């Protein structure tokens, strides 16, 4: 198990699940994996890649550590994710507030350029609902899913701007009285290429 957050790894150690056995835990940055080349049989990543600002480099790192014939499985968010929140912010100001997410074509192309074999991608749209827009904002903050781009607005967002955002989100209210949030989830799988196959140029 690998995570940037040491507390998350402590939690993982306490939750062994159905394996009922100990496993190694490594605190590391996924963009600089501290693992040997061709050392991993299976690489599984769930909803992490969307926070990378260099997807091709991240996938090249995955490809480097995967054994020939090894399997990579990952999920990430697509561009329709949080489309309601993105539109509500657009009504408030022109600053970026929601992270951009790569589409399935871009992800597939990056996998091919990295040299993965037989990539397969699929997309699903999931809608979660909230009793009020503020609950969505609180959830995103709690999981650390805030916009972290270099062009982000510095300083705290004032209460008047938050109020304007919540008012703009009102237009999404459904007949049930709940507020939706869309999550476009991209699922991908691929195989490690034969030994000696070069990692392709990402540009």
N, C-alpha and C. Protein backbone atom coordinates (compact mmCIF):
# COMPACT_ATOMS: atom_id res chain seq x y z
N UNK A 1 0.85 -1.18 0.00
CA UNK A 1 0.00 0.00 0.00
C UNK A 1 0.89 1.23 0.00
N UNK A 2 0.56 2.19 -0.87
CA UNK A 2 1.37 3.40 -0.97
C UNK A 2 0.46 4.61 -0.92
N UNK A 3 0.87 5.61 -0.14
CA UNK A 3 0.11 6.84 -0.04
C UNK A 3 1.06 7.96 0.38
N UNK A 4 0.74 9.17 -0.04
CA UNK A 4 1.53 10.33 0.36
C UNK A 4 1.32 10.62 1.84
N UNK A 5 0.13 10.26 2.35
CA UNK A 5 -0.25 10.59 3.71
C UNK A 5 0.09 9.44 4.66
N UNK A 6 0.96 9.72 5.61
CA UNK A 6 1.33 8.70 6.59
C UNK A 6 0.13 8.28 7.46
N UNK A 7 -0.73 9.22 7.91
CA UNK A 7 -1.91 8.79 8.67
C UNK A 7 -2.82 7.83 7.90
N UNK A 8 -2.94 8.03 6.58
CA UNK A 8 -3.74 7.10 5.78
C UNK A 8 -3.14 5.71 5.79
N UNK A 9 -1.82 5.62 5.77
CA UNK A 9 -1.17 4.31 5.81
C UNK A 9 -1.36 3.65 7.17
N UNK A 10 -1.39 4.45 8.22
CA UNK A 10 -1.67 3.89 9.55
C UNK A 10 -3.08 3.30 9.58
N UNK A 11 -4.03 4.02 8.96
CA UNK A 11 -5.40 3.50 8.89
C UNK A 11 -5.45 2.21 8.08
N UNK A 12 -4.71 2.19 6.97
CA UNK A 12 -4.69 0.99 6.13
C UNK A 12 -4.15 -0.21 6.89
N UNK A 13 -3.15 0.02 7.73
CA UNK A 13 -2.60 -1.08 8.51
C UNK A 13 -3.58 -1.64 9.51
N UNK A 14 -4.47 -0.78 10.00
CA UNK A 14 -5.47 -1.24 10.97
C UNK A 14 -6.63 -1.95 10.30
N UNK A 15 -6.87 -1.66 9.01
CA UNK A 15 -7.98 -2.25 8.27
C UNK A 15 -7.45 -3.27 7.27
N UNK A 16 -7.14 -4.44 7.74
CA UNK A 16 -6.56 -5.45 6.86
C UNK A 16 -7.60 -6.13 5.98
N UNK A 17 -8.86 -6.00 6.34
CA UNK A 17 -9.92 -6.53 5.49
C UNK A 17 -9.87 -8.04 5.36
N UNK A 18 -10.34 -8.52 4.19
CA UNK A 18 -10.48 -9.96 3.99
C UNK A 18 -9.13 -10.66 3.87
N UNK A 19 -8.05 -9.91 3.62
CA UNK A 19 -6.74 -10.56 3.48
C UNK A 19 -6.27 -11.17 4.80
N UNK A 20 -6.63 -10.50 5.90
CA UNK A 20 -6.25 -10.99 7.23
C UNK A 20 -4.75 -11.22 7.36
N UNK A 21 -3.97 -10.37 6.75
CA UNK A 21 -2.53 -10.53 6.83
C UNK A 21 -1.87 -9.17 6.75
N UNK A 22 -0.65 -9.11 7.19
CA UNK A 22 0.10 -7.87 7.16
C UNK A 22 0.58 -7.59 5.73
N UNK A 23 0.75 -6.33 5.42
CA UNK A 23 1.28 -5.96 4.11
C UNK A 23 2.16 -4.73 4.29
N UNK A 24 3.11 -4.58 3.39
CA UNK A 24 4.02 -3.45 3.46
C UNK A 24 3.30 -2.16 3.13
N UNK A 25 3.70 -1.08 3.77
CA UNK A 25 3.15 0.24 3.51
C UNK A 25 4.30 1.21 3.27
N UNK A 26 4.15 2.03 2.25
CA UNK A 26 5.21 2.96 1.87
C UNK A 26 4.62 4.36 1.71
N UNK A 27 5.19 5.33 2.41
CA UNK A 27 4.79 6.72 2.24
C UNK A 27 5.63 7.31 1.10
N UNK A 28 4.97 7.69 0.01
CA UNK A 28 5.71 8.17 -1.16
C UNK A 28 4.80 8.98 -2.06
N UNK A 29 5.44 9.72 -2.96
CA UNK A 29 4.75 10.50 -3.97
C UNK A 29 4.57 9.63 -5.21
N UNK A 30 3.34 9.51 -5.70
CA UNK A 30 3.07 8.65 -6.85
C UNK A 30 3.76 9.15 -8.12
N UNK A 31 4.14 10.42 -8.15
CA UNK A 31 4.84 10.94 -9.33
C UNK A 31 6.32 10.60 -9.33
N UNK A 32 6.81 10.00 -8.24
CA UNK A 32 8.21 9.57 -8.16
C UNK A 32 8.25 8.26 -7.38
N UNK A 33 7.71 7.20 -7.96
CA UNK A 33 7.55 5.93 -7.28
C UNK A 33 8.91 5.34 -6.88
N UNK A 34 9.12 5.05 -5.60
CA UNK A 34 10.40 4.52 -5.13
C UNK A 34 10.45 2.99 -5.25
N UNK A 35 10.10 2.48 -6.42
CA UNK A 35 10.07 1.04 -6.66
C UNK A 35 10.94 0.71 -7.86
N UNK A 36 11.52 -0.48 -7.84
CA UNK A 36 12.44 -0.89 -8.90
C UNK A 36 11.70 -1.10 -10.22
N UNK A 37 12.41 -0.95 -11.29
CA UNK A 37 11.86 -1.19 -12.62
C UNK A 37 11.41 -2.64 -12.75
N UNK A 38 10.26 -2.85 -13.35
CA UNK A 38 9.69 -4.18 -13.60
C UNK A 38 9.62 -5.02 -12.32
N UNK A 39 9.09 -4.43 -11.26
CA UNK A 39 9.05 -5.11 -9.96
C UNK A 39 7.65 -5.41 -9.46
N UNK A 40 6.61 -4.97 -10.19
CA UNK A 40 5.24 -5.07 -9.68
C UNK A 40 4.39 -5.93 -10.63
N UNK A 41 3.71 -6.92 -10.08
CA UNK A 41 2.81 -7.77 -10.87
C UNK A 41 1.47 -7.10 -11.14
N UNK A 42 0.97 -6.37 -10.15
CA UNK A 42 -0.34 -5.73 -10.25
C UNK A 42 -0.27 -4.35 -9.64
N UNK A 43 -0.72 -3.35 -10.38
CA UNK A 43 -0.76 -1.98 -9.88
C UNK A 43 -2.21 -1.53 -9.92
N UNK A 44 -2.73 -1.13 -8.76
CA UNK A 44 -4.13 -0.72 -8.64
C UNK A 44 -4.17 0.68 -8.04
N UNK A 45 -4.81 1.60 -8.73
CA UNK A 45 -4.91 2.98 -8.26
C UNK A 45 -6.36 3.44 -8.38
N UNK A 46 -6.93 3.88 -7.27
CA UNK A 46 -8.34 4.28 -7.24
C UNK A 46 -8.47 5.77 -6.98
N UNK A 47 -8.94 6.52 -7.99
CA UNK A 47 -9.26 7.94 -7.86
C UNK A 47 -8.10 8.76 -7.29
N UNK A 48 -6.93 8.60 -7.91
CA UNK A 48 -5.77 9.38 -7.54
C UNK A 48 -5.19 10.16 -8.71
N UNK A 49 -5.22 9.58 -9.91
CA UNK A 49 -4.55 10.18 -11.06
C UNK A 49 -5.08 11.57 -11.40
N UNK A 50 -6.34 11.85 -11.07
CA UNK A 50 -6.91 13.15 -11.46
C UNK A 50 -6.25 14.32 -10.74
N UNK A 51 -5.53 14.06 -9.66
CA UNK A 51 -4.87 15.14 -8.94
C UNK A 51 -3.46 15.39 -9.46
N UNK A 52 -3.03 14.61 -10.43
CA UNK A 52 -1.69 14.81 -11.00
C UNK A 52 -1.74 15.93 -12.05
N UNK A 53 -0.72 16.79 -12.06
CA UNK A 53 -0.66 17.83 -13.08
C UNK A 53 0.17 17.39 -14.29
N UNK A 54 0.60 16.12 -14.29
CA UNK A 54 1.37 15.59 -15.43
C UNK A 54 0.99 14.12 -15.61
N UNK A 55 -0.17 13.89 -16.22
CA UNK A 55 -0.68 12.54 -16.40
C UNK A 55 0.27 11.65 -17.20
N UNK A 56 0.83 12.10 -18.35
CA UNK A 56 1.75 11.24 -19.10
C UNK A 56 2.95 10.78 -18.27
N UNK A 57 3.53 11.69 -17.48
CA UNK A 57 4.67 11.31 -16.65
C UNK A 57 4.27 10.29 -15.58
N UNK A 58 3.08 10.47 -15.02
CA UNK A 58 2.59 9.53 -14.01
C UNK A 58 2.43 8.14 -14.61
N UNK A 59 1.84 8.07 -15.80
CA UNK A 59 1.64 6.77 -16.44
C UNK A 59 2.96 6.15 -16.87
N UNK A 60 3.92 6.96 -17.25
CA UNK A 60 5.25 6.44 -17.56
C UNK A 60 5.87 5.79 -16.32
N UNK A 61 5.63 6.39 -15.15
CA UNK A 61 6.12 5.81 -13.91
C UNK A 61 5.45 4.48 -13.62
N UNK A 62 4.14 4.39 -13.88
CA UNK A 62 3.43 3.12 -13.72
C UNK A 62 4.03 2.06 -14.64
N UNK A 63 4.23 2.45 -15.87
CA UNK A 63 4.77 1.53 -16.88
C UNK A 63 6.17 1.04 -16.49
N UNK A 64 6.98 1.92 -15.89
CA UNK A 64 8.36 1.58 -15.52
C UNK A 64 8.41 0.47 -14.49
N UNK A 65 7.51 0.52 -13.49
CA UNK A 65 7.59 -0.45 -12.40
C UNK A 65 6.81 -1.73 -12.68
N UNK A 66 5.97 -1.73 -13.72
CA UNK A 66 5.14 -2.90 -14.01
C UNK A 66 5.95 -3.97 -14.73
N UNK A 67 5.82 -5.20 -14.28
CA UNK A 67 6.51 -6.31 -14.92
C UNK A 67 5.93 -6.59 -16.31
N UNK A 68 6.72 -7.17 -17.21
CA UNK A 68 6.15 -7.62 -18.49
C UNK A 68 5.00 -8.59 -18.21
N UNK A 69 3.85 -8.31 -18.81
CA UNK A 69 2.67 -9.13 -18.56
C UNK A 69 1.94 -8.78 -17.29
N UNK A 70 2.45 -7.79 -16.52
CA UNK A 70 1.76 -7.34 -15.32
C UNK A 70 0.52 -6.53 -15.68
N UNK A 71 -0.35 -6.37 -14.73
CA UNK A 71 -1.65 -5.72 -14.97
C UNK A 71 -1.74 -4.41 -14.21
N UNK A 72 -2.19 -3.35 -14.90
CA UNK A 72 -2.49 -2.08 -14.25
C UNK A 72 -3.99 -1.83 -14.33
N UNK A 73 -4.57 -1.47 -13.22
CA UNK A 73 -5.99 -1.13 -13.11
C UNK A 73 -6.10 0.21 -12.40
N UNK A 74 -6.82 1.14 -12.97
CA UNK A 74 -7.00 2.40 -12.26
C UNK A 74 -8.33 3.05 -12.62
N UNK A 75 -8.77 3.93 -11.75
CA UNK A 75 -9.94 4.77 -12.02
C UNK A 75 -9.53 6.21 -11.79
N UNK A 76 -10.19 7.11 -12.50
CA UNK A 76 -9.91 8.53 -12.36
C UNK A 76 -11.16 9.29 -12.77
N UNK A 77 -11.19 10.59 -12.51
CA UNK A 77 -12.35 11.39 -12.86
C UNK A 77 -12.22 11.96 -14.27
N UNK A 78 -13.36 12.04 -14.97
CA UNK A 78 -13.43 12.64 -16.28
C UNK A 78 -13.96 14.07 -16.22
N UNK A 79 -14.03 14.76 -17.36
CA UNK A 79 -14.34 16.20 -17.39
C UNK A 79 -15.74 16.58 -16.96
N UNK A 80 -16.70 15.65 -16.95
CA UNK A 80 -18.05 15.99 -16.49
C UNK A 80 -18.17 15.98 -14.97
N UNK A 81 -17.10 15.63 -14.29
CA UNK A 81 -17.13 15.59 -12.83
C UNK A 81 -17.36 16.98 -12.25
N UNK A 82 -18.33 17.08 -11.35
CA UNK A 82 -18.69 18.32 -10.67
C UNK A 82 -19.10 19.42 -11.65
N UNK A 83 -19.76 19.01 -12.73
CA UNK A 83 -20.16 19.99 -13.74
C UNK A 83 -21.13 21.02 -13.17
N UNK A 84 -21.97 20.62 -12.21
CA UNK A 84 -22.90 21.56 -11.60
C UNK A 84 -22.15 22.62 -10.78
N UNK A 85 -21.15 22.18 -10.04
CA UNK A 85 -20.37 23.12 -9.24
C UNK A 85 -19.56 24.05 -10.13
N UNK A 86 -19.01 23.49 -11.20
CA UNK A 86 -18.23 24.29 -12.14
C UNK A 86 -19.10 25.41 -12.76
N UNK A 87 -20.33 25.04 -13.14
CA UNK A 87 -21.23 26.02 -13.75
C UNK A 87 -21.67 27.07 -12.73
N UNK A 88 -21.91 26.64 -11.50
CA UNK A 88 -22.32 27.60 -10.47
C UNK A 88 -21.21 28.61 -10.21
N UNK A 89 -19.96 28.15 -10.15
CA UNK A 89 -18.84 29.08 -9.96
C UNK A 89 -18.71 30.02 -11.15
N UNK A 90 -18.98 29.52 -12.35
CA UNK A 90 -18.88 30.36 -13.55
C UNK A 90 -19.84 31.54 -13.48
N UNK A 91 -20.94 31.39 -12.77
CA UNK A 91 -21.89 32.48 -12.62
C UNK A 91 -21.44 33.50 -11.59
N UNK A 92 -20.45 33.11 -10.78
CA UNK A 92 -19.98 33.99 -9.71
C UNK A 92 -18.78 34.82 -10.15
N UNK A 93 -17.78 34.18 -10.75
CA UNK A 93 -16.59 34.89 -11.23
C UNK A 93 -15.92 34.07 -12.32
N UNK A 94 -14.82 34.58 -12.84
CA UNK A 94 -14.12 33.91 -13.94
C UNK A 94 -12.87 33.18 -13.45
N UNK A 95 -12.69 33.07 -12.15
CA UNK A 95 -11.55 32.36 -11.59
C UNK A 95 -11.78 30.85 -11.62
N UNK A 96 -10.72 30.04 -11.80
CA UNK A 96 -10.89 28.58 -11.74
C UNK A 96 -11.08 28.13 -10.28
N UNK A 97 -12.09 27.30 -10.07
CA UNK A 97 -12.37 26.80 -8.72
C UNK A 97 -12.47 25.28 -8.68
N UNK A 98 -12.68 24.65 -9.83
CA UNK A 98 -12.81 23.19 -9.91
C UNK A 98 -11.72 22.66 -10.82
N UNK A 99 -11.02 21.63 -10.39
CA UNK A 99 -9.91 21.09 -11.16
C UNK A 99 -10.37 20.60 -12.53
N UNK A 100 -9.54 20.80 -13.55
CA UNK A 100 -9.84 20.21 -14.87
C UNK A 100 -9.49 18.73 -14.85
N UNK A 101 -10.27 17.91 -15.53
CA UNK A 101 -10.03 16.47 -15.56
C UNK A 101 -9.91 16.01 -17.01
N UNK A 102 -8.97 15.10 -17.26
CA UNK A 102 -8.72 14.62 -18.62
C UNK A 102 -9.87 13.75 -19.10
N UNK A 103 -10.17 13.83 -20.41
CA UNK A 103 -11.21 12.98 -20.97
C UNK A 103 -10.64 11.61 -21.31
N UNK A 104 -11.55 10.69 -21.63
CA UNK A 104 -11.15 9.29 -21.83
C UNK A 104 -10.19 9.15 -23.01
N UNK A 105 -10.36 9.98 -24.05
CA UNK A 105 -9.47 9.91 -25.20
C UNK A 105 -8.05 10.32 -24.82
N UNK A 106 -7.93 11.38 -24.03
CA UNK A 106 -6.61 11.83 -23.59
C UNK A 106 -5.93 10.78 -22.72
N UNK A 107 -6.70 10.15 -21.84
CA UNK A 107 -6.14 9.12 -20.98
C UNK A 107 -5.68 7.92 -21.80
N UNK A 108 -6.52 7.49 -22.75
CA UNK A 108 -6.15 6.36 -23.60
C UNK A 108 -4.91 6.64 -24.43
N UNK A 109 -4.83 7.85 -24.99
CA UNK A 109 -3.65 8.22 -25.77
C UNK A 109 -2.39 8.20 -24.91
N UNK A 110 -2.50 8.70 -23.67
CA UNK A 110 -1.35 8.72 -22.78
C UNK A 110 -0.90 7.30 -22.43
N UNK A 111 -1.87 6.38 -22.27
CA UNK A 111 -1.52 4.99 -21.99
C UNK A 111 -0.79 4.36 -23.17
N UNK A 112 -1.26 4.65 -24.38
CA UNK A 112 -0.61 4.11 -25.57
C UNK A 112 0.80 4.65 -25.71
N UNK A 113 0.98 5.95 -25.49
CA UNK A 113 2.30 6.55 -25.61
C UNK A 113 3.27 6.02 -24.56
N UNK A 114 2.73 5.69 -23.39
CA UNK A 114 3.58 5.12 -22.34
C UNK A 114 4.01 3.70 -22.66
N UNK A 115 3.34 3.06 -23.61
CA UNK A 115 3.74 1.72 -24.03
C UNK A 115 2.94 0.59 -23.43
N UNK A 116 1.83 0.87 -22.77
CA UNK A 116 1.00 -0.20 -22.23
C UNK A 116 0.38 -1.01 -23.35
N UNK A 117 0.16 -2.28 -23.08
CA UNK A 117 -0.44 -3.16 -24.07
C UNK A 117 -1.92 -3.35 -23.84
N UNK A 118 -2.70 -3.36 -24.92
CA UNK A 118 -4.12 -3.66 -24.90
C UNK A 118 -4.91 -2.85 -23.87
N UNK A 119 -4.77 -1.52 -23.90
CA UNK A 119 -5.55 -0.73 -22.94
C UNK A 119 -7.05 -0.80 -23.23
N UNK A 120 -7.83 -0.91 -22.18
CA UNK A 120 -9.29 -0.92 -22.26
C UNK A 120 -9.81 0.14 -21.30
N UNK A 121 -10.68 1.02 -21.81
CA UNK A 121 -11.23 2.09 -20.99
C UNK A 121 -12.74 2.09 -21.05
N UNK A 122 -13.36 2.47 -19.96
CA UNK A 122 -14.80 2.56 -19.88
C UNK A 122 -15.15 3.77 -19.02
N UNK A 123 -16.34 4.28 -19.19
CA UNK A 123 -16.75 5.49 -18.46
C UNK A 123 -18.12 5.28 -17.85
N UNK A 124 -18.30 5.79 -16.64
CA UNK A 124 -19.59 5.72 -15.96
C UNK A 124 -19.89 7.08 -15.34
N UNK A 125 -21.16 7.42 -15.26
CA UNK A 125 -21.58 8.68 -14.63
C UNK A 125 -22.38 8.34 -13.39
N UNK A 126 -21.94 8.88 -12.28
CA UNK A 126 -22.58 8.63 -10.98
C UNK A 126 -23.05 9.96 -10.43
N UNK A 127 -24.27 10.00 -9.90
CA UNK A 127 -24.81 11.21 -9.30
C UNK A 127 -25.02 11.01 -7.81
N UNK A 128 -24.39 11.84 -7.02
CA UNK A 128 -24.66 11.85 -5.59
C UNK A 128 -25.57 13.05 -5.30
N UNK A 129 -26.34 12.97 -4.24
CA UNK A 129 -27.27 14.05 -3.91
C UNK A 129 -27.03 14.54 -2.49
N UNK A 130 -27.39 15.80 -2.28
CA UNK A 130 -27.15 16.46 -1.00
C UNK A 130 -28.38 17.25 -0.60
N UNK A 131 -28.61 17.37 0.70
CA UNK A 131 -29.77 18.11 1.18
C UNK A 131 -29.60 19.61 0.99
N UNK A 132 -28.34 20.05 0.85
CA UNK A 132 -28.06 21.46 0.59
C UNK A 132 -26.69 21.55 -0.08
N UNK A 133 -26.46 22.59 -0.89
CA UNK A 133 -25.18 22.72 -1.58
C UNK A 133 -23.99 22.79 -0.64
N UNK A 134 -24.18 23.38 0.52
CA UNK A 134 -23.08 23.50 1.48
C UNK A 134 -22.53 22.13 1.86
N UNK A 135 -23.39 21.11 1.90
CA UNK A 135 -22.94 19.77 2.27
C UNK A 135 -21.93 19.24 1.25
N UNK A 136 -22.12 19.55 -0.03
CA UNK A 136 -21.16 19.15 -1.05
C UNK A 136 -19.82 19.85 -0.82
N UNK A 137 -19.85 21.16 -0.57
CA UNK A 137 -18.61 21.89 -0.34
C UNK A 137 -17.87 21.34 0.88
N UNK A 138 -18.59 21.02 1.93
CA UNK A 138 -17.98 20.47 3.14
C UNK A 138 -17.33 19.12 2.86
N UNK A 139 -18.01 18.30 2.04
CA UNK A 139 -17.47 16.98 1.71
C UNK A 139 -16.19 17.10 0.89
N UNK A 140 -16.18 17.98 -0.09
CA UNK A 140 -14.98 18.17 -0.92
C UNK A 140 -13.81 18.66 -0.08
N UNK A 141 -14.09 19.56 0.84
CA UNK A 141 -13.02 20.06 1.73
C UNK A 141 -12.49 18.95 2.62
N UNK A 142 -13.40 18.11 3.13
CA UNK A 142 -13.00 17.05 4.05
C UNK A 142 -12.09 16.03 3.38
N UNK A 143 -12.31 15.76 2.09
CA UNK A 143 -11.47 14.76 1.40
C UNK A 143 -10.29 15.41 0.68
N UNK A 144 -10.14 16.72 0.85
CA UNK A 144 -9.01 17.40 0.24
C UNK A 144 -9.15 17.64 -1.25
N UNK A 145 -10.36 17.58 -1.77
CA UNK A 145 -10.59 17.71 -3.21
C UNK A 145 -10.86 19.17 -3.57
N UNK A 146 -9.92 20.02 -3.24
CA UNK A 146 -10.04 21.43 -3.57
C UNK A 146 -9.12 21.77 -4.74
N UNK A 147 -9.41 22.86 -5.41
CA UNK A 147 -8.61 23.24 -6.57
C UNK A 147 -7.22 23.69 -6.11
N UNK A 148 -6.18 23.09 -6.70
CA UNK A 148 -4.81 23.38 -6.27
C UNK A 148 -3.93 23.82 -7.43
N UNK A 149 -4.54 24.28 -8.53
CA UNK A 149 -3.77 24.72 -9.68
C UNK A 149 -2.92 25.94 -9.37
N UNK A 150 -1.86 26.13 -10.14
CA UNK A 150 -0.96 27.26 -9.91
C UNK A 150 -1.65 28.60 -10.16
N UNK A 151 -2.78 28.58 -10.90
CA UNK A 151 -3.50 29.80 -11.19
C UNK A 151 -4.65 30.05 -10.22
N UNK A 152 -4.67 29.31 -9.11
CA UNK A 152 -5.76 29.47 -8.16
C UNK A 152 -5.69 30.84 -7.48
N UNK A 153 -6.83 31.29 -7.05
CA UNK A 153 -6.92 32.56 -6.35
C UNK A 153 -6.28 32.43 -4.97
N UNK A 154 -5.42 33.36 -4.62
CA UNK A 154 -4.75 33.33 -3.31
C UNK A 154 -5.66 33.90 -2.23
N UNK A 155 -5.49 33.41 -1.03
CA UNK A 155 -6.27 33.91 0.08
C UNK A 155 -7.58 33.17 0.23
N UNK A 156 -8.33 33.54 1.26
CA UNK A 156 -9.59 32.89 1.56
C UNK A 156 -10.71 33.42 0.67
N UNK A 157 -11.66 32.58 0.37
CA UNK A 157 -12.85 33.00 -0.36
C UNK A 157 -13.82 33.62 0.62
N UNK A 158 -14.21 34.86 0.36
CA UNK A 158 -15.06 35.59 1.29
C UNK A 158 -16.46 35.03 1.40
N UNK A 159 -17.15 35.32 2.50
CA UNK A 159 -18.50 34.79 2.72
C UNK A 159 -19.50 35.25 1.67
N UNK A 160 -19.34 36.46 1.15
CA UNK A 160 -20.29 36.94 0.14
C UNK A 160 -20.17 36.14 -1.16
N UNK A 161 -18.95 35.73 -1.50
CA UNK A 161 -18.75 34.95 -2.72
C UNK A 161 -19.29 33.53 -2.52
N UNK A 162 -19.11 32.98 -1.33
CA UNK A 162 -19.66 31.65 -1.04
C UNK A 162 -21.18 31.70 -1.09
N UNK A 163 -21.76 32.78 -0.56
CA UNK A 163 -23.21 32.92 -0.60
C UNK A 163 -23.71 32.99 -2.04
N UNK A 164 -22.95 33.71 -2.88
CA UNK A 164 -23.33 33.81 -4.28
C UNK A 164 -23.25 32.45 -4.97
N UNK A 165 -22.23 31.66 -4.61
CA UNK A 165 -22.10 30.32 -5.17
C UNK A 165 -23.28 29.45 -4.76
N UNK A 166 -23.63 29.48 -3.49
CA UNK A 166 -24.74 28.66 -3.01
C UNK A 166 -26.05 29.08 -3.68
N UNK A 167 -26.22 30.37 -3.90
CA UNK A 167 -27.42 30.85 -4.60
C UNK A 167 -27.43 30.34 -6.04
N UNK A 168 -26.26 30.36 -6.70
CA UNK A 168 -26.17 29.88 -8.08
C UNK A 168 -26.46 28.39 -8.17
N UNK A 169 -26.06 27.64 -7.15
CA UNK A 169 -26.27 26.18 -7.15
C UNK A 169 -27.74 25.83 -6.97
N UNK A 170 -28.53 26.79 -6.49
CA UNK A 170 -29.96 26.55 -6.28
C UNK A 170 -30.65 26.10 -7.57
N UNK A 171 -30.15 26.55 -8.72
CA UNK A 171 -30.80 26.22 -9.99
C UNK A 171 -30.73 24.72 -10.30
N UNK A 172 -29.89 23.97 -9.59
CA UNK A 172 -29.76 22.53 -9.84
C UNK A 172 -30.73 21.70 -9.01
N UNK A 173 -31.46 22.33 -8.11
CA UNK A 173 -32.32 21.57 -7.20
C UNK A 173 -33.33 20.73 -7.97
N UNK A 174 -33.44 19.47 -7.59
CA UNK A 174 -34.32 18.53 -8.25
C UNK A 174 -35.72 18.58 -7.63
N UNK A 175 -36.66 17.89 -8.25
CA UNK A 175 -38.04 17.86 -7.75
C UNK A 175 -38.10 17.29 -6.34
N UNK A 176 -37.16 16.43 -6.01
CA UNK A 176 -37.12 15.83 -4.67
C UNK A 176 -36.64 16.80 -3.61
N UNK A 177 -36.13 17.96 -4.05
CA UNK A 177 -35.58 18.93 -3.11
C UNK A 177 -34.10 18.74 -2.84
N UNK A 178 -33.51 17.70 -3.43
CA UNK A 178 -32.08 17.43 -3.25
C UNK A 178 -31.27 18.10 -4.35
N UNK A 179 -29.97 18.24 -4.09
CA UNK A 179 -29.07 18.88 -5.03
C UNK A 179 -28.08 17.85 -5.57
N UNK A 180 -27.92 17.76 -6.90
CA UNK A 180 -27.06 16.73 -7.47
C UNK A 180 -25.61 17.17 -7.64
N UNK A 181 -24.74 16.19 -7.69
CA UNK A 181 -23.33 16.40 -8.08
C UNK A 181 -22.96 15.21 -8.97
N UNK A 182 -22.49 15.52 -10.15
CA UNK A 182 -22.14 14.48 -11.13
C UNK A 182 -20.67 14.11 -11.00
N UNK A 183 -20.41 12.80 -11.10
CA UNK A 183 -19.04 12.29 -11.08
C UNK A 183 -18.86 11.41 -12.32
N UNK A 184 -18.04 11.83 -13.25
CA UNK A 184 -17.70 11.00 -14.40
C UNK A 184 -16.47 10.18 -14.04
N UNK A 185 -16.63 8.88 -13.97
CA UNK A 185 -15.53 8.00 -13.55
C UNK A 185 -15.03 7.22 -14.76
N UNK A 186 -13.73 7.33 -15.00
CA UNK A 186 -13.09 6.59 -16.09
C UNK A 186 -12.35 5.40 -15.48
N UNK A 187 -12.63 4.21 -16.00
CA UNK A 187 -11.96 2.98 -15.56
C UNK A 187 -11.02 2.52 -16.67
N UNK A 188 -9.84 2.10 -16.30
CA UNK A 188 -8.86 1.68 -17.31
C UNK A 188 -8.10 0.45 -16.85
N UNK A 189 -7.74 -0.39 -17.81
CA UNK A 189 -6.88 -1.55 -17.54
C UNK A 189 -5.93 -1.71 -18.72
N UNK A 190 -4.77 -2.28 -18.46
CA UNK A 190 -3.80 -2.52 -19.52
C UNK A 190 -2.74 -3.49 -18.99
N UNK A 191 -1.90 -3.95 -19.90
CA UNK A 191 -0.87 -4.93 -19.56
C UNK A 191 0.52 -4.34 -19.76
N UNK A 192 1.45 -4.81 -18.94
CA UNK A 192 2.83 -4.42 -19.14
C UNK A 192 3.37 -5.05 -20.41
N UNK A 193 4.09 -4.29 -21.25
CA UNK A 193 4.60 -4.82 -22.52
C UNK A 193 5.75 -5.80 -22.30
N UNK A 194 6.16 -6.44 -23.38
CA UNK A 194 7.26 -7.39 -23.31
C UNK A 194 8.53 -6.72 -22.81
N UNK A 195 9.40 -7.51 -22.22
CA UNK A 195 10.66 -7.01 -21.69
C UNK A 195 11.46 -6.33 -22.81
N UNK A 196 12.02 -5.17 -22.50
CA UNK A 196 12.84 -4.44 -23.46
C UNK A 196 12.08 -3.45 -24.31
N UNK A 197 10.75 -3.46 -24.23
CA UNK A 197 9.96 -2.51 -25.02
C UNK A 197 10.20 -1.11 -24.49
N UNK A 198 10.49 -0.15 -25.37
CA UNK A 198 10.81 1.21 -24.90
C UNK A 198 9.58 1.94 -24.41
N UNK A 199 9.80 2.86 -23.48
CA UNK A 199 8.74 3.79 -23.10
C UNK A 199 8.70 4.87 -24.17
N UNK A 200 7.56 5.08 -24.75
CA UNK A 200 7.46 5.99 -25.89
C UNK A 200 7.57 7.45 -25.44
N UNK A 201 8.00 8.28 -26.36
CA UNK A 201 8.07 9.71 -26.11
C UNK A 201 6.67 10.24 -25.85
N UNK A 202 6.47 11.02 -24.78
CA UNK A 202 5.14 11.47 -24.43
C UNK A 202 4.75 12.72 -25.20
N UNK A 203 5.64 13.27 -25.99
CA UNK A 203 5.32 14.51 -26.71
C UNK A 203 5.14 14.22 -28.19
